[in-house]
Amino acid sequence: MKVVEHSPLKGKLVEVAGRIIGMVAEDNKKTLLIRQVHDGGKEIVLLEKAMYFDRAFITNAYWIKFRDNKLPVRSFEARGDIRDFFDL
């Protein structure tokens, strides 16, 4: 029987200085994988960039807050968004 650990931060938005900058994609004992986002006001767009951070440093930093996501999330798909951007 495999025990699955609950990751309390996975899916939470990362806020720095009042600005949403990322979303926790993976949460384990030592690291957090934070994926960059664009806050469009009405939706959160997940961008391709992601980076691993030391979990203890991020969770203990007083200027970094984790927020529950209450907006729809969509993933940035390069081909579709580029076509939309250039109206092709």
N, C-alpha and C. Protein backbone atom coordinates (compact mmCIF):
# COMPACT_ATOMS: atom_id res chain seq x y z
N MET A 1 0.84 -1.18 0.00
CA MET A 1 0.00 0.00 0.00
C MET A 1 0.88 1.24 0.00
N LYS A 2 0.67 2.09 -0.97
CA LYS A 2 1.47 3.31 -1.09
C LYS A 2 0.76 4.46 -0.37
N VAL A 3 1.51 5.18 0.46
CA VAL A 3 0.95 6.32 1.16
C VAL A 3 1.21 7.57 0.33
N VAL A 4 0.16 8.29 0.01
CA VAL A 4 0.28 9.52 -0.77
C VAL A 4 0.23 10.69 0.19
N GLU A 5 1.29 11.51 0.15
CA GLU A 5 1.34 12.67 1.02
C GLU A 5 0.50 13.79 0.43
N HIS A 6 -0.19 14.49 1.31
CA HIS A 6 -0.97 15.64 0.89
C HIS A 6 -0.04 16.83 0.75
N SER A 7 -0.06 17.49 -0.38
CA SER A 7 0.78 18.67 -0.57
C SER A 7 -0.10 19.91 -0.42
N PRO A 8 -0.01 20.57 0.72
CA PRO A 8 -0.92 21.68 1.01
C PRO A 8 -0.72 22.91 0.13
N LEU A 9 0.43 23.06 -0.49
CA LEU A 9 0.68 24.25 -1.28
C LEU A 9 0.44 24.06 -2.78
N LYS A 10 0.32 22.82 -3.23
CA LYS A 10 0.12 22.57 -4.66
C LYS A 10 -1.17 23.24 -5.13
N GLY A 11 -1.05 24.01 -6.22
CA GLY A 11 -2.21 24.69 -6.78
C GLY A 11 -2.45 26.08 -6.21
N LYS A 12 -1.70 26.47 -5.20
CA LYS A 12 -1.86 27.81 -4.61
C LYS A 12 -1.09 28.83 -5.42
N LEU A 13 -1.62 30.05 -5.44
CA LEU A 13 -0.96 31.15 -6.11
C LEU A 13 0.10 31.74 -5.21
N VAL A 14 1.19 32.21 -5.80
CA VAL A 14 2.29 32.82 -5.06
C VAL A 14 2.22 34.33 -5.30
N GLU A 15 2.14 35.07 -4.19
CA GLU A 15 2.02 36.52 -4.26
C GLU A 15 3.26 37.16 -3.65
N VAL A 16 3.85 38.11 -4.36
CA VAL A 16 5.00 38.86 -3.87
C VAL A 16 4.67 40.34 -4.06
N ALA A 17 4.75 41.10 -2.97
CA ALA A 17 4.49 42.55 -3.00
C ALA A 17 3.12 42.86 -3.60
N GLY A 18 2.12 42.06 -3.28
CA GLY A 18 0.77 42.30 -3.75
C GLY A 18 0.51 41.90 -5.18
N ARG A 19 1.46 41.25 -5.82
CA ARG A 19 1.33 40.84 -7.22
C ARG A 19 1.43 39.32 -7.34
N ILE A 20 0.49 38.71 -8.05
CA ILE A 20 0.52 37.26 -8.29
C ILE A 20 1.60 37.00 -9.32
N ILE A 21 2.60 36.16 -8.94
CA ILE A 21 3.71 35.90 -9.86
C ILE A 21 3.83 34.44 -10.27
N GLY A 22 3.17 33.54 -9.56
CA GLY A 22 3.32 32.14 -9.90
C GLY A 22 2.28 31.25 -9.25
N MET A 23 2.36 29.98 -9.60
CA MET A 23 1.49 28.96 -9.01
C MET A 23 2.35 27.76 -8.67
N VAL A 24 2.11 27.18 -7.51
CA VAL A 24 2.88 26.01 -7.09
C VAL A 24 2.43 24.81 -7.92
N ALA A 25 3.36 24.28 -8.70
CA ALA A 25 3.06 23.13 -9.56
C ALA A 25 3.38 21.82 -8.86
N GLU A 26 4.45 21.80 -8.05
CA GLU A 26 4.83 20.62 -7.28
C GLU A 26 5.27 21.06 -5.89
N ASP A 27 4.95 20.24 -4.92
CA ASP A 27 5.30 20.53 -3.53
C ASP A 27 5.82 19.24 -2.90
N ASN A 28 7.08 19.25 -2.48
CA ASN A 28 7.59 18.10 -1.74
C ASN A 28 8.33 18.59 -0.50
N LYS A 29 8.99 17.71 0.20
CA LYS A 29 9.61 18.06 1.48
C LYS A 29 10.66 19.15 1.38
N LYS A 30 11.43 19.18 0.29
CA LYS A 30 12.55 20.11 0.21
C LYS A 30 12.39 21.21 -0.83
N THR A 31 11.58 20.99 -1.84
CA THR A 31 11.49 21.98 -2.92
C THR A 31 10.04 22.28 -3.31
N LEU A 32 9.89 23.45 -3.93
CA LEU A 32 8.63 23.83 -4.55
C LEU A 32 8.94 24.14 -6.02
N LEU A 33 8.14 23.61 -6.91
CA LEU A 33 8.24 23.99 -8.30
C LEU A 33 7.17 25.04 -8.52
N ILE A 34 7.62 26.26 -8.84
CA ILE A 34 6.70 27.36 -9.04
C ILE A 34 6.70 27.72 -10.51
N ARG A 35 5.51 27.71 -11.09
CA ARG A 35 5.35 28.03 -12.50
C ARG A 35 4.89 29.47 -12.63
N GLN A 36 5.52 30.21 -13.51
CA GLN A 36 5.20 31.62 -13.70
C GLN A 36 3.79 31.76 -14.27
N VAL A 37 3.08 32.80 -13.84
CA VAL A 37 1.73 33.06 -14.34
C VAL A 37 1.60 34.52 -14.75
N HIS A 38 0.59 34.76 -15.56
CA HIS A 38 0.18 36.12 -15.89
C HIS A 38 -1.22 36.28 -15.31
N ASP A 39 -1.37 37.29 -14.45
CA ASP A 39 -2.67 37.56 -13.84
C ASP A 39 -3.43 38.51 -14.74
N GLY A 40 -4.41 37.97 -15.46
CA GLY A 40 -5.18 38.78 -16.38
C GLY A 40 -6.38 39.45 -15.75
N GLY A 41 -6.54 39.32 -14.44
CA GLY A 41 -7.67 39.93 -13.76
C GLY A 41 -8.89 39.02 -13.71
N LYS A 42 -9.27 38.47 -14.86
CA LYS A 42 -10.42 37.58 -14.93
C LYS A 42 -10.03 36.11 -14.99
N GLU A 43 -8.73 35.87 -15.28
CA GLU A 43 -8.23 34.51 -15.34
C GLU A 43 -6.73 34.51 -15.10
N ILE A 44 -6.23 33.36 -14.71
CA ILE A 44 -4.79 33.16 -14.50
C ILE A 44 -4.28 32.35 -15.69
N VAL A 45 -3.22 32.85 -16.33
CA VAL A 45 -2.63 32.14 -17.47
C VAL A 45 -1.29 31.56 -17.04
N LEU A 46 -1.17 30.24 -17.08
CA LEU A 46 0.08 29.56 -16.75
C LEU A 46 1.05 29.71 -17.90
N LEU A 47 2.24 30.23 -17.62
CA LEU A 47 3.26 30.38 -18.65
C LEU A 47 4.19 29.17 -18.63
N GLU A 48 5.09 29.10 -19.60
CA GLU A 48 5.95 27.93 -19.73
C GLU A 48 7.08 27.90 -18.71
N LYS A 49 7.53 29.05 -18.23
CA LYS A 49 8.67 29.10 -17.31
C LYS A 49 8.29 28.56 -15.94
N ALA A 50 9.20 27.76 -15.38
CA ALA A 50 9.03 27.22 -14.04
C ALA A 50 10.41 27.08 -13.41
N MET A 51 10.46 27.15 -12.09
CA MET A 51 11.74 27.07 -11.39
C MET A 51 11.54 26.39 -10.04
N TYR A 52 12.55 25.60 -9.64
CA TYR A 52 12.53 24.98 -8.32
C TYR A 52 13.10 25.95 -7.29
N PHE A 53 12.47 26.00 -6.12
CA PHE A 53 12.92 26.84 -5.02
C PHE A 53 13.03 25.99 -3.76
N ASP A 54 13.90 26.41 -2.87
CA ASP A 54 14.02 25.77 -1.57
C ASP A 54 12.73 26.02 -0.79
N ARG A 55 12.06 24.94 -0.39
CA ARG A 55 10.76 25.06 0.26
C ARG A 55 10.82 25.86 1.56
N ALA A 56 11.83 25.60 2.38
CA ALA A 56 11.95 26.28 3.67
C ALA A 56 12.13 27.78 3.48
N PHE A 57 12.95 28.18 2.52
CA PHE A 57 13.18 29.59 2.28
C PHE A 57 11.90 30.30 1.84
N ILE A 58 11.19 29.71 0.89
CA ILE A 58 9.98 30.33 0.35
C ILE A 58 8.87 30.38 1.39
N THR A 59 8.65 29.30 2.12
CA THR A 59 7.54 29.29 3.07
C THR A 59 7.82 30.14 4.30
N ASN A 60 9.08 30.41 4.62
CA ASN A 60 9.42 31.23 5.78
C ASN A 60 9.62 32.71 5.45
N ALA A 61 9.59 33.07 4.19
CA ALA A 61 9.78 34.47 3.80
C ALA A 61 8.50 35.25 4.07
N TYR A 62 8.61 36.31 4.86
CA TYR A 62 7.41 37.06 5.24
C TYR A 62 6.82 37.85 4.08
N TRP A 63 7.58 38.12 3.04
CA TRP A 63 7.07 38.91 1.91
C TRP A 63 6.41 38.05 0.84
N ILE A 64 6.45 36.76 1.01
CA ILE A 64 5.82 35.84 0.06
C ILE A 64 4.58 35.23 0.71
N LYS A 65 3.45 35.33 0.01
CA LYS A 65 2.20 34.79 0.54
C LYS A 65 1.63 33.78 -0.45
N PHE A 66 0.91 32.82 0.08
CA PHE A 66 0.25 31.81 -0.74
C PHE A 66 -1.25 32.06 -0.64
N ARG A 67 -1.89 32.15 -1.79
CA ARG A 67 -3.32 32.44 -1.87
C ARG A 67 -4.05 31.30 -2.55
N ASP A 68 -5.29 31.07 -2.11
CA ASP A 68 -6.14 30.12 -2.81
C ASP A 68 -6.54 30.73 -4.14
N ASN A 69 -6.63 29.91 -5.14
CA ASN A 69 -6.99 30.39 -6.46
C ASN A 69 -8.50 30.39 -6.61
N LYS A 70 -9.06 31.55 -6.95
CA LYS A 70 -10.50 31.67 -7.15
C LYS A 70 -10.84 32.05 -8.59
N LEU A 71 -9.82 32.10 -9.44
CA LEU A 71 -10.03 32.45 -10.84
C LEU A 71 -9.80 31.24 -11.74
N PRO A 72 -10.41 31.22 -12.92
CA PRO A 72 -10.13 30.12 -13.85
C PRO A 72 -8.67 30.16 -14.32
N VAL A 73 -8.11 28.98 -14.55
CA VAL A 73 -6.72 28.86 -14.97
C VAL A 73 -6.69 28.26 -16.36
N ARG A 74 -5.89 28.87 -17.22
CA ARG A 74 -5.68 28.25 -18.53
C ARG A 74 -4.19 28.22 -18.80
N SER A 75 -3.78 27.25 -19.56
CA SER A 75 -2.37 27.06 -19.86
C SER A 75 -2.01 27.79 -21.15
N PHE A 76 -0.83 28.35 -21.15
CA PHE A 76 -0.34 29.05 -22.34
C PHE A 76 0.08 28.02 -23.36
N GLU A 77 -0.62 28.01 -24.48
CA GLU A 77 -0.26 27.12 -25.58
C GLU A 77 0.27 28.01 -26.69
N ALA A 78 1.54 27.91 -26.96
CA ALA A 78 2.23 28.85 -27.84
C ALA A 78 1.54 29.01 -29.20
N ARG A 79 1.20 27.93 -29.84
CA ARG A 79 0.65 28.05 -31.19
C ARG A 79 -0.70 28.76 -31.20
N GLY A 80 -1.58 28.37 -30.33
CA GLY A 80 -2.92 28.98 -30.30
C GLY A 80 -2.88 30.43 -29.89
N ASP A 81 -2.12 30.77 -28.87
CA ASP A 81 -2.05 32.15 -28.41
C ASP A 81 -1.33 33.04 -29.39
N ILE A 82 -0.31 32.53 -30.07
CA ILE A 82 0.38 33.34 -31.07
C ILE A 82 -0.55 33.63 -32.24
N ARG A 83 -1.32 32.63 -32.64
CA ARG A 83 -2.30 32.84 -33.72
C ARG A 83 -3.31 33.90 -33.31
N ASP A 84 -3.81 33.81 -32.07
CA ASP A 84 -4.77 34.79 -31.57
C ASP A 84 -4.15 36.17 -31.50
N PHE A 85 -2.92 36.25 -31.03
CA PHE A 85 -2.23 37.53 -30.88
C PHE A 85 -2.05 38.23 -32.23
N PHE A 86 -1.65 37.47 -33.24
CA PHE A 86 -1.42 38.05 -34.56
C PHE A 86 -2.66 38.01 -35.44
N ASP A 87 -3.78 37.55 -34.87
CA ASP A 87 -5.06 37.49 -35.58
C ASP A 87 -4.95 36.69 -36.88
N LEU A 88 -4.36 35.48 -36.78
CA LEU A 88 -4.20 34.62 -37.96
C LEU A 88 -5.28 33.56 -38.00
